[in-house]
Full PDB file with SEQRES, HELIX, SHEET, SSBOND, CRYST1, ORIGX, SCALE, CONECT and MASTER records, all heavy atoms in Angstrom:
SEQRES   1 A   40  LEU ALA GLU VAL ALA GLY LEU SER ALA SER HIS LEU LYS          
SEQRES   2 A   40  THR GLN PHE LYS ARG SER THR GLY GLN ALA VAL HIS ALA          
SEQRES   3 A   40  TYR VAL VAL HIS ARG ARG VAL ASP ARG ALA ARG SER LEU          
SEQRES   4 A   40  LEU                                                          
HELIX    1 AA1 ALA A    2  ALA A    5  1                                   4    
HELIX    2 AA2 ALA A    9  THR A   20  1                                  12    
HELIX    3 AA3 VAL A   24  LEU A   39  1                                  16    
CRYST1    1.000    1.000    1.000  90.00  90.00  90.00 P 1           1          
ORIGX1      1.000000  0.000000  0.000000        0.00000                         
ORIGX2      0.000000  1.000000  0.000000        0.00000                         
ORIGX3      0.000000  0.000000  1.000000        0.00000                         
SCALE1      1.000000  0.000000  0.000000        0.00000                         
SCALE2      0.000000  1.000000  0.000000        0.00000                         
SCALE3      0.000000  0.000000  1.000000        0.00000                         
ATOM      1  N   LEU A   1    -139.622-187.092 -49.382  1.00  0.00           N  
ATOM      2  CA  LEU A   1    -139.287-186.240 -50.509  1.00  0.00           C  
ATOM      3  C   LEU A   1    -138.487-186.968 -51.580  1.00  0.00           C  
ATOM      4  O   LEU A   1    -138.672-186.774 -52.763  1.00  0.00           O  
ATOM      5  CB  LEU A   1    -138.467-185.020 -50.031  1.00  0.00           C  
ATOM      6  CG  LEU A   1    -139.225-184.057 -49.061  1.00  0.00           C  
ATOM      7  CD1 LEU A   1    -138.268-182.975 -48.607  1.00  0.00           C  
ATOM      8  CD2 LEU A   1    -140.444-183.489 -49.727  1.00  0.00           C  
ATOM      9  N   ALA A   2    -137.600-187.880 -51.127  1.00  0.00           N  
ATOM     10  CA  ALA A   2    -136.799-188.664 -52.085  1.00  0.00           C  
ATOM     11  C   ALA A   2    -137.715-189.590 -52.895  1.00  0.00           C  
ATOM     12  O   ALA A   2    -137.533-189.759 -54.104  1.00  0.00           O  
ATOM     13  CB  ALA A   2    -135.776-189.484 -51.317  1.00  0.00           C  
ATOM     14  N   GLU A   3    -138.724-190.120 -52.232  1.00  0.00           N  
ATOM     15  CA  GLU A   3    -139.673-191.012 -52.942  1.00  0.00           C  
ATOM     16  C   GLU A   3    -140.442-190.224 -54.024  1.00  0.00           C  
ATOM     17  O   GLU A   3    -140.692-190.735 -55.117  1.00  0.00           O  
ATOM     18  CB  GLU A   3    -140.642-191.647 -51.939  1.00  0.00           C  
ATOM     19  CG  GLU A   3    -141.602-192.663 -52.575  1.00  0.00           C  
ATOM     20  CD  GLU A   3    -142.464-193.339 -51.548  1.00  0.00           C  
ATOM     21  OE1 GLU A   3    -142.274-193.130 -50.330  1.00  0.00           O  
ATOM     22  OE2 GLU A   3    -143.376-194.119 -51.965  1.00  0.00           O  
ATOM     23  N   VAL A   4    -140.837-189.021 -53.695  1.00  0.00           N  
ATOM     24  CA  VAL A   4    -141.559-188.175 -54.645  1.00  0.00           C  
ATOM     25  C   VAL A   4    -140.663-187.928 -55.874  1.00  0.00           C  
ATOM     26  O   VAL A   4    -141.139-187.900 -57.016  1.00  0.00           O  
ATOM     27  CB  VAL A   4    -141.964-186.840 -53.990  1.00  0.00           C  
ATOM     28  CG1 VAL A   4    -142.456-185.841 -55.053  1.00  0.00           C  
ATOM     29  CG2 VAL A   4    -143.059-187.076 -52.963  1.00  0.00           C  
ATOM     30  N   ALA A   5    -139.342-187.682 -55.640  1.00  0.00           N  
ATOM     31  CA  ALA A   5    -138.438-187.390 -56.726  1.00  0.00           C  
ATOM     32  C   ALA A   5    -137.982-188.649 -57.463  1.00  0.00           C  
ATOM     33  O   ALA A   5    -137.419-188.551 -58.558  1.00  0.00           O  
ATOM     34  CB  ALA A   5    -137.222-186.638 -56.200  1.00  0.00           C  
ATOM     35  N   GLY A   6    -138.218-189.830 -56.862  1.00  0.00           N  
ATOM     36  CA  GLY A   6    -137.755-191.058 -57.473  1.00  0.00           C  
ATOM     37  C   GLY A   6    -136.241-191.227 -57.328  1.00  0.00           C  
ATOM     38  O   GLY A   6    -135.588-191.836 -58.197  1.00  0.00           O  
ATOM     39  N   LEU A   7    -135.688-190.681 -56.199  1.00  0.00           N  
ATOM     40  CA  LEU A   7    -134.271-190.765 -55.982  1.00  0.00           C  
ATOM     41  C   LEU A   7    -133.979-191.329 -54.606  1.00  0.00           C  
ATOM     42  O   LEU A   7    -134.875-191.451 -53.760  1.00  0.00           O  
ATOM     43  CB  LEU A   7    -133.624-189.342 -56.093  1.00  0.00           C  
ATOM     44  CG  LEU A   7    -133.744-188.611 -57.417  1.00  0.00           C  
ATOM     45  CD1 LEU A   7    -133.303-187.179 -57.234  1.00  0.00           C  
ATOM     46  CD2 LEU A   7    -132.874-189.295 -58.456  1.00  0.00           C  
ATOM     47  N   SER A   8    -132.711-191.629 -54.348  1.00  0.00           N  
ATOM     48  CA  SER A   8    -132.310-191.965 -52.985  1.00  0.00           C  
ATOM     49  C   SER A   8    -132.213-190.659 -52.182  1.00  0.00           C  
ATOM     50  O   SER A   8    -132.153-189.569 -52.715  1.00  0.00           O  
ATOM     51  CB  SER A   8    -130.946-192.635 -53.009  1.00  0.00           C  
ATOM     52  OG  SER A   8    -129.962-191.751 -53.503  1.00  0.00           O  
ATOM     53  N   ALA A   9    -132.214-190.825 -50.851  1.00  0.00           N  
ATOM     54  CA  ALA A   9    -132.179-189.687 -49.972  1.00  0.00           C  
ATOM     55  C   ALA A   9    -130.931-188.842 -50.186  1.00  0.00           C  
ATOM     56  O   ALA A   9    -130.970-187.606 -50.254  1.00  0.00           O  
ATOM     57  CB  ALA A   9    -132.311-190.072 -48.536  1.00  0.00           C  
ATOM     58  N   SER A  10    -129.763-189.490 -50.274  1.00  0.00           N  
ATOM     59  CA  SER A  10    -128.519-188.747 -50.424  1.00  0.00           C  
ATOM     60  C   SER A  10    -128.436-188.099 -51.770  1.00  0.00           C  
ATOM     61  O   SER A  10    -127.902-186.942 -51.884  1.00  0.00           O  
ATOM     62  CB  SER A  10    -127.307-189.665 -50.176  1.00  0.00           C  
ATOM     63  OG  SER A  10    -127.218-190.670 -51.149  1.00  0.00           O  
ATOM     64  N   HIS A  11    -128.917-188.732 -52.832  1.00  0.00           N  
ATOM     65  CA  HIS A  11    -128.936-188.084 -54.157  1.00  0.00           C  
ATOM     66  C   HIS A  11    -129.871-186.921 -54.162  1.00  0.00           C  
ATOM     67  O   HIS A  11    -129.546-185.895 -54.810  1.00  0.00           O  
ATOM     68  CB  HIS A  11    -129.347-189.108 -55.225  1.00  0.00           C  
ATOM     69  CG  HIS A  11    -128.278-190.057 -55.588  1.00  0.00           C  
ATOM     70  ND1 HIS A  11    -128.437-191.094 -56.514  1.00  0.00           N  
ATOM     71  CD2 HIS A  11    -126.990-190.143 -55.186  1.00  0.00           C  
ATOM     72  CE1 HIS A  11    -127.281-191.725 -56.644  1.00  0.00           C  
ATOM     73  NE2 HIS A  11    -126.394-191.203 -55.835  1.00  0.00           N  
ATOM     74  N   LEU A  12    -130.989-187.007 -53.500  1.00  0.00           N  
ATOM     75  CA  LEU A  12    -131.909-185.876 -53.459  1.00  0.00           C  
ATOM     76  C   LEU A  12    -131.257-184.683 -52.795  1.00  0.00           C  
ATOM     77  O   LEU A  12    -131.320-183.545 -53.298  1.00  0.00           O  
ATOM     78  CB  LEU A  12    -133.192-186.233 -52.728  1.00  0.00           C  
ATOM     79  CG  LEU A  12    -134.133-185.042 -52.468  1.00  0.00           C  
ATOM     80  CD1 LEU A  12    -134.706-184.513 -53.778  1.00  0.00           C  
ATOM     81  CD2 LEU A  12    -135.265-185.421 -51.512  1.00  0.00           C  
ATOM     82  N   LYS A  13    -130.567-184.909 -51.672  1.00  0.00           N  
ATOM     83  CA  LYS A  13    -129.895-183.817 -50.983  1.00  0.00           C  
ATOM     84  C   LYS A  13    -128.935-183.094 -51.924  1.00  0.00           C  
ATOM     85  O   LYS A  13    -128.909-181.863 -52.000  1.00  0.00           O  
ATOM     86  CB  LYS A  13    -129.158-184.351 -49.757  1.00  0.00           C  
ATOM     87  CG  LYS A  13    -129.993-184.706 -48.586  1.00  0.00           C  
ATOM     88  CD  LYS A  13    -129.147-185.174 -47.434  1.00  0.00           C  
ATOM     89  CE  LYS A  13    -128.183-184.119 -46.938  1.00  0.00           C  
ATOM     90  NZ  LYS A  13    -127.368-184.543 -45.802  1.00  0.00           N  
ATOM     91  N   THR A  14    -128.088-183.875 -52.594  1.00  0.00           N  
ATOM     92  CA  THR A  14    -127.083-183.283 -53.486  1.00  0.00           C  
ATOM     93  C   THR A  14    -127.710-182.557 -54.662  1.00  0.00           C  
ATOM     94  O   THR A  14    -127.372-181.422 -54.959  1.00  0.00           O  
ATOM     95  CB  THR A  14    -126.142-184.368 -53.994  1.00  0.00           C  
ATOM     96  OG1 THR A  14    -125.495-185.015 -52.874  1.00  0.00           O  
ATOM     97  CG2 THR A  14    -125.078-183.813 -54.890  1.00  0.00           C  
ATOM     98  N   GLN A  15    -128.689-183.205 -55.308  1.00  0.00           N  
ATOM     99  CA  GLN A  15    -129.244-182.670 -56.516  1.00  0.00           C  
ATOM    100  C   GLN A  15    -130.190-181.483 -56.250  1.00  0.00           C  
ATOM    101  O   GLN A  15    -130.322-180.550 -57.065  1.00  0.00           O  
ATOM    102  CB  GLN A  15    -129.939-183.773 -57.315  1.00  0.00           C  
ATOM    103  CG  GLN A  15    -128.969-184.866 -57.788  1.00  0.00           C  
ATOM    104  CD  GLN A  15    -129.641-185.968 -58.540  1.00  0.00           C  
ATOM    105  OE1 GLN A  15    -130.722-185.797 -59.106  1.00  0.00           O  
ATOM    106  NE2 GLN A  15    -129.004-187.129 -58.596  1.00  0.00           N  
ATOM    107  N   PHE A  16    -130.907-181.530 -55.113  1.00  0.00           N  
ATOM    108  CA  PHE A  16    -131.775-180.403 -54.750  1.00  0.00           C  
ATOM    109  C   PHE A  16    -130.944-179.167 -54.523  1.00  0.00           C  
ATOM    110  O   PHE A  16    -131.286-178.092 -54.998  1.00  0.00           O  
ATOM    111  CB  PHE A  16    -132.560-180.780 -53.476  1.00  0.00           C  
ATOM    112  CG  PHE A  16    -133.611-179.749 -53.139  1.00  0.00           C  
ATOM    113  CD1 PHE A  16    -134.911-179.880 -53.632  1.00  0.00           C  
ATOM    114  CD2 PHE A  16    -133.329-178.670 -52.329  1.00  0.00           C  
ATOM    115  CE1 PHE A  16    -135.910-178.936 -53.314  1.00  0.00           C  
ATOM    116  CE2 PHE A  16    -134.275-177.722 -52.001  1.00  0.00           C  
ATOM    117  CZ  PHE A  16    -135.555-177.863 -52.524  1.00  0.00           C  
ATOM    118  N   LYS A  17    -129.826-179.274 -53.810  1.00  0.00           N  
ATOM    119  CA  LYS A  17    -128.965-178.094 -53.560  1.00  0.00           C  
ATOM    120  C   LYS A  17    -128.356-177.603 -54.869  1.00  0.00           C  
ATOM    121  O   LYS A  17    -128.230-176.410 -55.080  1.00  0.00           O  
ATOM    122  CB  LYS A  17    -127.890-178.439 -52.560  1.00  0.00           C  
ATOM    123  CG  LYS A  17    -127.114-177.211 -52.118  1.00  0.00           C  
ATOM    124  CD  LYS A  17    -126.247-177.470 -50.926  1.00  0.00           C  
ATOM    125  CE  LYS A  17    -125.569-176.181 -50.473  1.00  0.00           C  
ATOM    126  NZ  LYS A  17    -124.754-176.404 -49.248  1.00  0.00           N  
ATOM    127  N   ARG A  18    -128.030-178.535 -55.770  1.00  0.00           N  
ATOM    128  CA  ARG A  18    -127.465-178.144 -57.055  1.00  0.00           C  
ATOM    129  C   ARG A  18    -128.477-177.335 -57.841  1.00  0.00           C  
ATOM    130  O   ARG A  18    -128.134-176.400 -58.548  1.00  0.00           O  
ATOM    131  CB  ARG A  18    -127.033-179.382 -57.793  1.00  0.00           C  
ATOM    132  CG  ARG A  18    -126.218-179.148 -59.062  1.00  0.00           C  
ATOM    133  CD  ARG A  18    -125.842-180.464 -59.711  1.00  0.00           C  
ATOM    134  NE  ARG A  18    -125.066-180.306 -60.875  1.00  0.00           N  
ATOM    135  CZ  ARG A  18    -123.734-180.259 -60.919  1.00  0.00           C  
ATOM    136  NH1 ARG A  18    -123.055-180.430 -59.805  1.00  0.00           N  
ATOM    137  NH2 ARG A  18    -123.093-180.111 -62.066  1.00  0.00           N  
ATOM    138  N   SER A  19    -129.771-177.710 -57.735  1.00  0.00           N  
ATOM    139  CA  SER A  19    -130.805-177.063 -58.523  1.00  0.00           C  
ATOM    140  C   SER A  19    -131.269-175.741 -57.911  1.00  0.00           C  
ATOM    141  O   SER A  19    -131.653-174.809 -58.622  1.00  0.00           O  
ATOM    142  CB  SER A  19    -132.013-177.988 -58.652  1.00  0.00           C  
ATOM    143  OG  SER A  19    -131.667-179.173 -59.402  1.00  0.00           O  
ATOM    144  N   THR A  20    -131.325-175.671 -56.567  1.00  0.00           N  
ATOM    145  CA  THR A  20    -131.925-174.496 -55.905  1.00  0.00           C  
ATOM    146  C   THR A  20    -130.890-173.612 -55.213  1.00  0.00           C  
ATOM    147  O   THR A  20    -131.231-172.460 -54.864  1.00  0.00           O  
ATOM    148  CB  THR A  20    -132.943-174.950 -54.846  1.00  0.00           C  
ATOM    149  OG1 THR A  20    -132.259-175.669 -53.796  1.00  0.00           O  
ATOM    150  CG2 THR A  20    -133.993-175.852 -55.469  1.00  0.00           C  
ATOM    151  N   GLY A  21    -129.694-174.109 -54.952  1.00  0.00           N  
ATOM    152  CA  GLY A  21    -128.723-173.355 -54.188  1.00  0.00           C  
ATOM    153  C   GLY A  21    -128.923-173.456 -52.701  1.00  0.00           C  
ATOM    154  O   GLY A  21    -128.215-172.802 -51.911  1.00  0.00           O  
ATOM    155  N   GLN A  22    -129.929-174.240 -52.254  1.00  0.00           N  
ATOM    156  CA  GLN A  22    -130.251-174.356 -50.831  1.00  0.00           C  
ATOM    157  C   GLN A  22    -130.314-175.837 -50.466  1.00  0.00           C  
ATOM    158  O   GLN A  22    -130.774-176.674 -51.272  1.00  0.00           O  
ATOM    159  CB  GLN A  22    -131.568-173.728 -50.494  1.00  0.00           C  
ATOM    160  CG  GLN A  22    -131.597-172.206 -50.491  1.00  0.00           C  
ATOM    161  CD  GLN A  22    -132.932-171.698 -49.995  1.00  0.00           C  
ATOM    162  OE1 GLN A  22    -133.949-171.960 -50.655  1.00  0.00           O  
ATOM    163  NE2 GLN A  22    -132.982-170.954 -48.905  1.00  0.00           N  
ATOM    164  N   ALA A  23    -129.913-176.168 -49.238  1.00  0.00           N  
ATOM    165  CA  ALA A  23    -130.132-177.507 -48.726  1.00  0.00           C  
ATOM    166  C   ALA A  23    -131.653-177.694 -48.533  1.00  0.00           C  
ATOM    167  O   ALA A  23    -132.402-176.725 -48.378  1.00  0.00           O  
ATOM    168  CB  ALA A  23    -129.409-177.685 -47.390  1.00  0.00           C  
ATOM    169  N   VAL A  24    -132.109-178.957 -48.581  1.00  0.00           N  
ATOM    170  CA  VAL A  24    -133.559-179.226 -48.454  1.00  0.00           C  
ATOM    171  C   VAL A  24    -134.110-178.599 -47.179  1.00  0.00           C  
ATOM    172  O   VAL A  24    -135.165-177.939 -47.244  1.00  0.00           O  
ATOM    173  CB  VAL A  24    -133.801-180.749 -48.484  1.00  0.00           C  
ATOM    174  CG1 VAL A  24    -135.325-181.035 -48.338  1.00  0.00           C  
ATOM    175  CG2 VAL A  24    -133.242-181.389 -49.732  1.00  0.00           C  
ATOM    176  N   HIS A  25    -133.470-178.831 -46.075  1.00  0.00           N  
ATOM    177  CA  HIS A  25    -133.988-178.326 -44.782  1.00  0.00           C  
ATOM    178  C   HIS A  25    -134.043-176.798 -44.795  1.00  0.00           C  
ATOM    179  O   HIS A  25    -135.030-176.214 -44.332  1.00  0.00           O  
ATOM    180  CB  HIS A  25    -133.114-178.818 -43.624  1.00  0.00           C  
ATOM    181  CG  HIS A  25    -133.574-178.286 -42.320  1.00  0.00           C  
ATOM    182  ND1 HIS A  25    -132.935-177.281 -41.619  1.00  0.00           N  
ATOM    183  CD2 HIS A  25    -134.683-178.622 -41.549  1.00  0.00           C  
ATOM    184  CE1 HIS A  25    -133.577-177.060 -40.511  1.00  0.00           C  
ATOM    185  NE2 HIS A  25    -134.622-177.813 -40.449  1.00  0.00           N  
ATOM    186  N   ALA A  26    -133.016-176.143 -45.325  1.00  0.00           N  
ATOM    187  CA  ALA A  26    -133.024-174.693 -45.387  1.00  0.00           C  
ATOM    188  C   ALA A  26    -134.156-174.157 -46.258  1.00  0.00           C  
ATOM    189  O   ALA A  26    -134.813-173.165 -45.954  1.00  0.00           O  
ATOM    190  CB  ALA A  26    -131.689-174.150 -45.896  1.00  0.00           C  
ATOM    191  N   TYR A  27    -134.384-174.862 -47.411  1.00  0.00           N  
ATOM    192  CA  TYR A  27    -135.501-174.448 -48.315  1.00  0.00           C  
ATOM    193  C   TYR A  27    -136.823-174.555 -47.574  1.00  0.00           C  
ATOM    194  O   TYR A  27    -137.674-173.637 -47.663  1.00  0.00           O  
ATOM    195  CB  TYR A  27    -135.488-175.356 -49.518  1.00  0.00           C  
ATOM    196  CG  TYR A  27    -136.644-175.075 -50.467  1.00  0.00           C  
ATOM    197  CD1 TYR A  27    -136.521-174.100 -51.459  1.00  0.00           C  
ATOM    198  CD2 TYR A  27    -137.839-175.779 -50.372  1.00  0.00           C  
ATOM    199  CE1 TYR A  27    -137.592-173.848 -52.348  1.00  0.00           C  
ATOM    200  CE2 TYR A  27    -138.898-175.553 -51.239  1.00  0.00           C  
ATOM    201  CZ  TYR A  27    -138.770-174.562 -52.210  1.00  0.00           C  
ATOM    202  OH  TYR A  27    -139.819-174.322 -53.052  1.00  0.00           O  
ATOM    203  N   VAL A  28    -137.030-175.656 -46.832  1.00  0.00           N  
ATOM    204  CA  VAL A  28    -138.284-175.844 -46.123  1.00  0.00           C  
ATOM    205  C   VAL A  28    -138.485-174.775 -45.051  1.00  0.00           C  
ATOM    206  O   VAL A  28    -139.577-174.209 -44.904  1.00  0.00           O  
ATOM    207  CB  VAL A  28    -138.374-177.243 -45.501  1.00  0.00           C  
ATOM    208  CG1 VAL A  28    -139.541-177.365 -44.566  1.00  0.00           C  
ATOM    209  CG2 VAL A  28    -138.468-178.301 -46.612  1.00  0.00           C  
ATOM    210  N   VAL A  29    -137.403-174.459 -44.337  1.00  0.00           N  
ATOM    211  CA  VAL A  29    -137.495-173.405 -43.302  1.00  0.00           C  
ATOM    212  C   VAL A  29    -137.900-172.068 -43.947  1.00  0.00           C  
ATOM    213  O   VAL A  29    -138.768-171.357 -43.446  1.00  0.00           O  
ATOM    214  CB  VAL A  29    -136.155-173.253 -42.566  1.00  0.00           C  
ATOM    215  CG1 VAL A  29    -136.166-171.985 -41.676  1.00  0.00           C  
ATOM    216  CG2 VAL A  29    -135.913-174.488 -41.655  1.00  0.00           C  
ATOM    217  N   HIS A  30    -137.303-171.721 -45.071  1.00  0.00           N  
ATOM    218  CA  HIS A  30    -137.629-170.473 -45.740  1.00  0.00           C  
ATOM    219  C   HIS A  30    -139.104-170.478 -46.198  1.00  0.00           C  
ATOM    220  O   HIS A  30    -139.782-169.419 -46.109  1.00  0.00           O  
ATOM    221  CB  HIS A  30    -136.696-170.248 -46.934  1.00  0.00           C  
ATOM    222  CG  HIS A  30    -135.407-169.640 -46.584  1.00  0.00           C  
ATOM    223  ND1 HIS A  30    -134.408-170.353 -45.926  1.00  0.00           N  
ATOM    224  CD2 HIS A  30    -134.900-168.376 -46.749  1.00  0.00           C  
ATOM    225  CE1 HIS A  30    -133.373-169.542 -45.736  1.00  0.00           C  
ATOM    226  NE2 HIS A  30    -133.650-168.350 -46.216  1.00  0.00           N  
ATOM    227  N   ARG A  31    -139.581-171.581 -46.717  1.00  0.00           N  
ATOM    228  CA  ARG A  31    -140.975-171.648 -47.168  1.00  0.00           C  
ATOM    229  C   ARG A  31    -141.912-171.525 -45.955  1.00  0.00           C  
ATOM    230  O   ARG A  31    -142.956-170.908 -46.042  1.00  0.00           O  
ATOM    231  CB  ARG A  31    -141.257-172.962 -47.926  1.00  0.00           C  
ATOM    232  CG  ARG A  31    -140.500-173.112 -49.223  1.00  0.00           C  
ATOM    233  CD  ARG A  31    -140.827-171.944 -50.173  1.00  0.00           C  
ATOM    234  NE  ARG A  31    -142.256-171.776 -50.368  1.00  0.00           N  
ATOM    235  CZ  ARG A  31    -142.874-170.618 -50.318  1.00  0.00           C  
ATOM    236  NH1 ARG A  31    -142.193-169.472 -50.117  1.00  0.00           N  
ATOM    237  NH2 ARG A  31    -144.200-170.571 -50.515  1.00  0.00           N  
ATOM    238  N   ARG A  32    -141.558-172.138 -44.837  1.00  0.00           N  
ATOM    239  CA  ARG A  32    -142.395-172.001 -43.640  1.00  0.00           C  
ATOM    240  C   ARG A  32    -142.391-170.575 -43.104  1.00  0.00           C  
ATOM    241  O   ARG A  32    -143.459-170.060 -42.672  1.00  0.00           O  
ATOM    242  CB  ARG A  32    -141.891-173.006 -42.569  1.00  0.00           C  
ATOM    243  CG  ARG A  32    -142.266-174.449 -42.870  1.00  0.00           C  
ATOM    244  CD  ARG A  32    -141.717-175.448 -41.904  1.00  0.00           C  
ATOM    245  NE  ARG A  32    -142.322-176.740 -42.129  1.00  0.00           N  
ATOM    246  CZ  ARG A  32    -141.830-177.902 -41.678  1.00  0.00           C  
ATOM    247  NH1 ARG A  32    -140.695-177.932 -41.016  1.00  0.00           N  
ATOM    248  NH2 ARG A  32    -142.470-179.037 -41.934  1.00  0.00           N  
ATOM    249  N   VAL A  33    -141.255-169.915 -43.190  1.00  0.00           N  
ATOM    250  CA  VAL A  33    -141.198-168.517 -42.762  1.00  0.00           C  
ATOM    251  C   VAL A  33    -142.081-167.664 -43.697  1.00  0.00           C  
ATOM    252  O   VAL A  33    -142.823-166.789 -43.241  1.00  0.00           O  
ATOM    253  CB  VAL A  33    -139.758-168.001 -42.781  1.00  0.00           C  
ATOM    254  CG1 VAL A  33    -139.700-166.476 -42.669  1.00  0.00           C  
ATOM    255  CG2 VAL A  33    -138.973-168.629 -41.595  1.00  0.00           C  
ATOM    256  N   ASP A  34    -142.027-167.923 -45.000  1.00  0.00           N  
ATOM    257  CA  ASP A  34    -142.848-167.199 -45.945  1.00  0.00           C  
ATOM    258  C   ASP A  34    -144.350-167.373 -45.645  1.00  0.00           C  
ATOM    259  O   ASP A  34    -145.140-166.417 -45.687  1.00  0.00           O  
ATOM    260  CB  ASP A  34    -142.568-167.638 -47.356  1.00  0.00           C  
ATOM    261  CG  ASP A  34    -141.240-167.057 -47.883  1.00  0.00           C  
ATOM    262  OD1 ASP A  34    -140.675-166.159 -47.244  1.00  0.00           O  
ATOM    263  OD2 ASP A  34    -140.720-167.580 -48.893  1.00  0.00           O  
ATOM    264  N   ARG A  35    -144.719-168.609 -45.368  1.00  0.00           N  
ATOM    265  CA  ARG A  35    -146.153-168.872 -45.056  1.00  0.00           C  
ATOM    266  C   ARG A  35    -146.549-168.184 -43.741  1.00  0.00           C  
ATOM    267  O   ARG A  35    -147.627-167.564 -43.690  1.00  0.00           O  
ATOM    268  CB  ARG A  35    -146.407-170.382 -44.938  1.00  0.00           C  
ATOM    269  CG  ARG A  35    -147.867-170.667 -44.534  1.00  0.00           C  
ATOM    270  CD  ARG A  35    -148.224-172.149 -44.534  1.00  0.00           C  
ATOM    271  NE  ARG A  35    -148.239-172.698 -45.895  1.00  0.00           N  
ATOM    272  CZ  ARG A  35    -148.597-173.945 -46.150  1.00  0.00           C  
ATOM    273  NH1 ARG A  35    -148.968-174.765 -45.174  1.00  0.00           N  
ATOM    274  NH2 ARG A  35    -148.616-174.377 -47.402  1.00  0.00           N  
ATOM    275  N   ALA A  36    -145.664-168.253 -42.717  1.00  0.00           N  
ATOM    276  CA  ALA A  36    -146.003-167.589 -41.455  1.00  0.00           C  
ATOM    277  C   ALA A  36    -146.143-166.093 -41.667  1.00  0.00           C  
ATOM    278  O   ALA A  36    -147.041-165.465 -41.085  1.00  0.00           O  
ATOM    279  CB  ALA A  36    -144.918-167.919 -40.437  1.00  0.00           C  
ATOM    280  N   ARG A  37    -145.258-165.534 -42.413  1.00  0.00           N  
ATOM    281  CA  ARG A  37    -145.310-164.071 -42.663  1.00  0.00           C  
ATOM    282  C   ARG A  37    -146.622-163.711 -43.364  1.00  0.00           C  
ATOM    283  O   ARG A  37    -147.286-162.701 -42.967  1.00  0.00           O  
ATOM    284  CB  ARG A  37    -144.143-163.646 -43.588  1.00  0.00           C  
ATOM    285  CG  ARG A  37    -144.091-162.156 -43.909  1.00  0.00           C  
ATOM    286  CD  ARG A  37    -142.847-161.830 -44.736  1.00  0.00           C  
ATOM    287  NE  ARG A  37    -142.794-160.444 -45.113  1.00  0.00           N  
ATOM    288  CZ  ARG A  37    -143.408-159.934 -46.160  1.00  0.00           C  
ATOM    289  NH1 ARG A  37    -144.075-160.721 -47.003  1.00  0.00           N  
ATOM    290  NH2 ARG A  37    -143.311-158.647 -46.427  1.00  0.00           N  
ATOM    291  N   SER A  38    -147.046-164.492 -44.340  1.00  0.00           N  
ATOM    292  CA  SER A  38    -148.306-164.229 -45.039  1.00  0.00           C  
ATOM    293  C   SER A  38    -149.486-164.297 -44.080  1.00  0.00           C  
ATOM    294  O   SER A  38    -150.411-163.447 -44.129  1.00  0.00           O  
ATOM    295  CB  SER A  38    -148.467-165.201 -46.186  1.00  0.00           C  
ATOM    296  OG  SER A  38    -149.682-165.015 -46.845  1.00  0.00           O  
ATOM    297  N   LEU A  39    -149.509-165.324 -43.200  1.00  0.00           N  
ATOM    298  CA  LEU A  39    -150.606-165.469 -42.286  1.00  0.00           C  
ATOM    299  C   LEU A  39    -150.612-164.345 -41.234  1.00  0.00           C  
ATOM    300  O   LEU A  39    -151.695-163.855 -40.873  1.00  0.00           O  
ATOM    301  CB  LEU A  39    -150.493-166.816 -41.542  1.00  0.00           C  
ATOM    302  CG  LEU A  39    -150.810-168.040 -42.435  1.00  0.00           C  
ATOM    303  CD1 LEU A  39    -150.474-169.324 -41.658  1.00  0.00           C  
ATOM    304  CD2 LEU A  39    -152.260-168.057 -42.848  1.00  0.00           C  
ATOM    305  N   LEU A  40    -149.433-163.916 -40.778  1.00  0.00           N  
ATOM    306  CA  LEU A  40    -149.394-162.802 -39.817  1.00  0.00           C  
ATOM    307  C   LEU A  40    -149.860-161.503 -40.435  1.00  0.00           C  
ATOM    308  O   LEU A  40    -150.528-160.698 -39.776  1.00  0.00           O  
ATOM    309  CB  LEU A  40    -147.932-162.642 -39.319  1.00  0.00           C  
ATOM    310  CG  LEU A  40    -147.428-163.748 -38.374  1.00  0.00           C  
ATOM    311  CD1 LEU A  40    -145.924-163.605 -38.172  1.00  0.00           C  
ATOM    312  CD2 LEU A  40    -148.123-163.668 -37.036  1.00  0.00           C  
TER     313      LEU A  40                                                      
MASTER        0    0    0    3    0    0    0    6  312    1    0    4          
END                                                                             
């Protein structure tokens, strides 16, 4: 994910949370839950 953003891993963590209000891992979990809910 850091490579996609063109950032270091630690900078991505900080800046992603600043932009979304969620940590990267928490965001991914929520998106996976949303997809699972849709499929169910």
